[in-house]
Protein backbone atom coordinates (compact mmCIF):
# COMPACT_ATOMS: atom_id res chain seq x y z
CA UNK A 1 51.70 -115.13 -113.05
CA UNK A 2 49.66 -118.17 -113.85
CA UNK A 3 45.84 -118.08 -113.93
CA UNK A 4 44.35 -118.24 -110.76
CA UNK A 5 41.03 -117.73 -108.84
CA UNK A 6 42.44 -117.47 -105.55
CA UNK A 7 40.56 -115.24 -103.33
CA UNK A 8 38.95 -113.29 -106.19
CA UNK A 9 36.72 -115.86 -107.18
CA UNK A 10 32.93 -115.06 -105.33
CA UNK A 11 31.68 -119.11 -104.29
CA UNK A 12 28.33 -118.93 -103.93
CA UNK A 13 28.75 -118.40 -108.02
CA UNK A 14 28.93 -122.56 -108.38
CA UNK A 15 25.63 -122.80 -106.41
CA UNK A 16 24.08 -119.36 -108.55
CA UNK A 17 25.04 -121.86 -111.39
CA UNK A 18 23.59 -124.74 -110.52
CA UNK A 19 20.16 -122.85 -109.41
CA UNK A 20 20.24 -121.68 -113.15
CA UNK A 21 20.39 -125.14 -114.94
CA UNK A 22 17.93 -127.05 -112.57
CA UNK A 23 15.30 -125.51 -115.32
CA UNK A 24 16.77 -126.92 -118.33
CA UNK A 25 17.88 -130.40 -115.93
CA UNK A 26 14.26 -130.76 -115.32
CA UNK A 27 12.88 -129.79 -118.30
CA UNK A 28 10.08 -131.67 -120.29
CA UNK A 29 12.33 -131.35 -123.41
CA UNK A 30 14.86 -132.92 -121.69
CA UNK A 31 12.65 -135.94 -120.26
CA UNK A 32 11.44 -136.80 -123.53
CA UNK A 33 14.71 -136.57 -125.56
CA UNK A 34 16.39 -138.47 -122.79
CA UNK A 35 17.20 -141.82 -124.64
CA UNK A 36 18.37 -139.87 -128.04
CA UNK A 37 21.68 -139.10 -128.77
CA UNK A 38 22.72 -135.83 -127.94
CA UNK A 39 24.87 -132.97 -129.86
CA UNK A 40 27.74 -135.29 -128.76
CA UNK A 41 28.03 -138.22 -130.89
CA UNK A 42 27.59 -141.25 -129.18
CA UNK A 43 26.12 -139.72 -125.64
CA UNK A 44 22.35 -139.91 -124.73
CA UNK A 45 20.52 -136.32 -123.80
CA UNK A 46 20.73 -138.63 -120.32
CA UNK A 47 24.37 -138.69 -120.53
CA UNK A 48 25.05 -135.35 -121.14
CA UNK A 49 22.79 -134.24 -118.36
CA UNK A 50 24.04 -136.86 -115.33
CA UNK A 51 27.67 -135.83 -116.77
CA UNK A 52 26.54 -132.48 -115.91
CA UNK A 53 24.67 -133.03 -112.57
CA UNK A 54 27.85 -134.82 -111.75
CA UNK A 55 29.68 -131.47 -111.56
CA UNK A 56 28.10 -130.81 -108.29
CA UNK A 57 28.69 -134.10 -106.76
CA UNK A 58 32.09 -134.84 -107.02
CA UNK A 59 32.44 -130.86 -105.43
CA UNK A 60 30.31 -132.38 -102.87
CA UNK A 61 32.58 -135.23 -102.26
CA UNK A 62 35.93 -133.79 -103.18
CA UNK A 63 35.67 -130.63 -101.29
CA UNK A 64 34.78 -133.06 -98.19
CA UNK A 65 37.21 -135.53 -98.46
CA UNK A 66 40.91 -134.96 -97.70
CA UNK A 67 43.59 -135.99 -100.09
CA UNK A 68 46.83 -137.25 -99.31
CA UNK A 69 49.32 -134.90 -97.61
CA UNK A 70 52.21 -135.30 -100.13
CA UNK A 71 49.59 -134.61 -103.23
CA UNK A 72 51.48 -132.36 -105.76
CA UNK A 73 49.52 -128.96 -105.78
CA UNK A 74 49.06 -127.97 -109.15
CA UNK A 75 48.19 -124.33 -111.20
CA UNK A 76 44.82 -124.33 -112.85
CA UNK A 77 46.13 -124.20 -115.95
CA UNK A 78 49.20 -127.00 -115.67
CA UNK A 79 46.48 -129.59 -114.08
CA UNK A 80 45.31 -130.29 -117.52
CA UNK A 81 48.34 -131.63 -118.52
CA UNK A 82 47.33 -134.70 -116.54
CA UNK A 83 44.13 -135.29 -117.93
CA UNK A 84 44.27 -137.91 -120.46
CA UNK A 85 41.45 -137.16 -122.02
CA UNK A 86 42.30 -133.36 -122.82
CA UNK A 87 44.49 -133.65 -126.12
CA UNK A 88 43.20 -137.40 -126.74
CA UNK A 89 40.58 -137.46 -130.24
CA UNK A 90 36.81 -137.40 -129.56
CA UNK A 91 36.88 -141.32 -130.29
CA UNK A 92 39.83 -142.13 -128.39
CA UNK A 93 39.42 -144.85 -124.86
CA UNK A 94 39.89 -142.00 -122.74
CA UNK A 95 36.92 -139.96 -124.23
CA UNK A 96 34.82 -142.93 -125.05
CA UNK A 97 35.12 -143.90 -121.53
CA UNK A 98 33.71 -141.27 -120.10
CA UNK A 99 30.91 -141.20 -122.81
CA UNK A 100 29.83 -144.84 -121.52
CA UNK A 101 29.92 -144.42 -118.18
CA UNK A 102 27.63 -141.68 -118.40
CA UNK A 103 25.46 -143.08 -120.33
CA UNK A 104 25.04 -145.88 -117.97
CA UNK A 105 24.16 -143.64 -115.49
CA UNK A 106 21.74 -142.13 -117.38
CA UNK A 107 19.62 -145.16 -117.64
CA UNK A 108 18.56 -144.51 -114.12
CA UNK A 109 16.28 -141.89 -116.13
CA UNK A 110 15.46 -138.49 -115.59
CA UNK A 111 13.75 -138.60 -112.09
CA UNK A 112 16.93 -139.88 -110.71
CA UNK A 113 19.43 -137.02 -112.22
CA UNK A 114 16.68 -134.21 -110.92
CA UNK A 115 17.08 -135.89 -107.46
CA UNK A 116 20.95 -136.09 -108.15
CA UNK A 117 21.02 -132.48 -108.60
CA UNK A 118 18.73 -131.46 -105.87
CA UNK A 119 20.51 -133.25 -103.72
CA UNK A 120 23.90 -132.34 -104.25
CA UNK A 121 22.81 -128.55 -104.67
CA UNK A 122 21.30 -128.71 -100.90
CA UNK A 123 25.04 -130.61 -99.71
CA UNK A 124 27.46 -127.49 -101.62
CA UNK A 125 27.16 -124.32 -99.35
CA UNK A 126 27.91 -126.08 -96.35
CA UNK A 127 30.61 -128.75 -98.41
CA UNK A 128 32.21 -125.13 -100.00
CA UNK A 129 31.83 -123.22 -96.21
CA UNK A 130 33.98 -126.23 -94.77
CA UNK A 131 36.66 -126.62 -97.15
CA UNK A 132 40.49 -126.36 -97.07
CA UNK A 133 42.99 -123.96 -98.85
CA UNK A 134 43.22 -126.85 -101.41
CA UNK A 135 41.06 -130.07 -102.79
CA UNK A 136 42.58 -133.28 -103.93
CA UNK A 137 41.34 -134.94 -107.25
CA UNK A 138 41.89 -138.19 -107.35
CA UNK A 139 41.17 -138.55 -111.36
CA UNK A 140 44.78 -136.73 -111.85
CA UNK A 141 46.13 -137.87 -108.54
CA UNK A 142 46.96 -134.05 -107.55
CA UNK A 143 45.70 -130.96 -105.81
CA UNK A 144 44.17 -127.72 -106.86
CA UNK A 145 43.59 -124.71 -104.87
CA UNK A 146 40.11 -124.42 -103.96
CA UNK A 147 39.18 -121.40 -106.29
CA UNK A 148 40.52 -123.08 -108.98
CA UNK A 149 39.14 -126.34 -108.31
CA UNK A 150 35.94 -124.49 -108.50
CA UNK A 151 36.40 -122.59 -111.45
CA UNK A 152 36.62 -125.99 -113.07
CA UNK A 153 33.37 -127.23 -111.65
CA UNK A 154 32.50 -123.99 -113.42
CA UNK A 155 33.68 -124.74 -116.30
CA UNK A 156 31.95 -128.09 -117.28
CA UNK A 157 28.65 -126.67 -115.51
CA UNK A 158 28.53 -123.80 -118.32
CA UNK A 159 29.87 -126.11 -121.32
CA UNK A 160 28.00 -128.89 -120.40
CA UNK A 161 24.95 -127.25 -119.79
CA UNK A 162 25.29 -125.66 -123.26
CA UNK A 163 25.21 -129.13 -124.59
CA UNK A 164 22.48 -130.17 -122.95
CA UNK A 165 20.26 -127.34 -124.32
CA UNK A 166 21.74 -127.74 -127.97
CA UNK A 167 20.61 -131.63 -127.51
CA UNK A 168 17.07 -130.69 -127.09
CA UNK A 169 16.58 -127.20 -129.36
CA UNK A 170 16.06 -124.63 -126.01
CA UNK A 171 18.19 -122.07 -125.45
CA UNK A 172 20.96 -122.47 -122.92
CA UNK A 173 20.68 -120.60 -119.61
CA UNK A 174 22.10 -117.65 -118.89
CA UNK A 175 24.79 -117.39 -116.51
CA UNK A 176 25.95 -113.83 -114.59
CA UNK A 177 29.01 -112.47 -114.50
CA UNK A 178 30.30 -114.70 -111.60
CA UNK A 179 29.98 -117.74 -113.82
CA UNK A 180 31.21 -116.96 -117.11
CA UNK A 181 33.56 -114.40 -116.81
CA UNK A 182 36.11 -117.12 -114.60
CA UNK A 183 34.95 -119.74 -117.05
CA UNK A 184 35.63 -117.45 -120.23
CA UNK A 185 39.44 -116.93 -118.49
CA UNK A 186 40.01 -120.51 -118.09
CA UNK A 187 38.57 -121.40 -121.61
CA UNK A 188 41.05 -119.09 -123.38
CA UNK A 189 44.17 -120.23 -121.60
CA UNK A 190 43.38 -123.47 -122.10
CA UNK A 191 42.88 -123.04 -125.77
CA UNK A 192 45.80 -120.55 -126.17
CA UNK A 193 47.58 -123.89 -124.95
CA UNK A 194 46.44 -126.01 -126.65
CA UNK A 195 46.04 -124.26 -130.19
CA UNK A 196 49.22 -121.85 -129.93
CA UNK A 197 48.95 -117.98 -128.61
CA UNK A 198 49.16 -116.18 -132.27
CA UNK A 199 45.29 -118.13 -132.95
CA UNK A 200 43.60 -117.46 -129.97
CA UNK A 201 43.95 -114.02 -129.67
CA UNK A 202 43.95 -113.34 -133.50
CA UNK A 203 40.20 -115.00 -132.70
CA UNK A 204 39.41 -112.78 -129.68
CA UNK A 205 40.71 -110.17 -131.33
CA UNK A 206 40.86 -109.79 -135.13
CA UNK A 207 37.97 -111.36 -137.12
CA UNK A 208 39.99 -110.63 -140.24
CA UNK A 209 43.22 -112.46 -139.25
CA UNK A 210 41.30 -114.82 -137.59
CA UNK A 211 41.55 -118.95 -139.16
CA UNK A 212 40.84 -122.58 -138.03
CA UNK A 213 39.81 -123.74 -134.89
CA UNK A 214 40.66 -122.01 -131.55
CA UNK A 215 38.47 -124.39 -129.25
CA UNK A 216 39.88 -125.21 -126.12
CA UNK A 217 38.57 -128.93 -125.92
């Protein structure tokens, strides 16, 4: 059975995750380092912060925007086969275009980023409450079951919060199990799809047989 969180996800976890990142995004450490290079090569701290905050913005937008009735509904893991950046090298255009777009968005400054987080957080609960059973993702021209779409947003929030914290030398936010456990399940499934099940299984279960990277990205 494909990995899915339909009917099991606590949707309030998305709002909880945003509440956890607010202090980090608004921190003086992030503000001071805004124009410096982040832990992600070629991406500014401001670019990482803006990418992080965009997860709540796109959640509000996509949850409230009906998609084409004939859009294919993909599985949570399977939809990554339509994501052009997933298997592309870091320096490929599929990835550098994302980097450049968010570096440009970051030029609006730290205060704008904090305001965007506050605004999208205020809109999120009603957007989730009004969402239908599927959510259209225009980037991949497909739909995801809404709970699975929200897990993708959770994963992006957790991963990029760590990127941002590492970039400015502060501890990452501590997320509760309702946030973290779906994220870890998705990352493990993606890692197995990309790296092969044996390597991921051994990395997670037998340190003496673990070898090489099993990163999902």
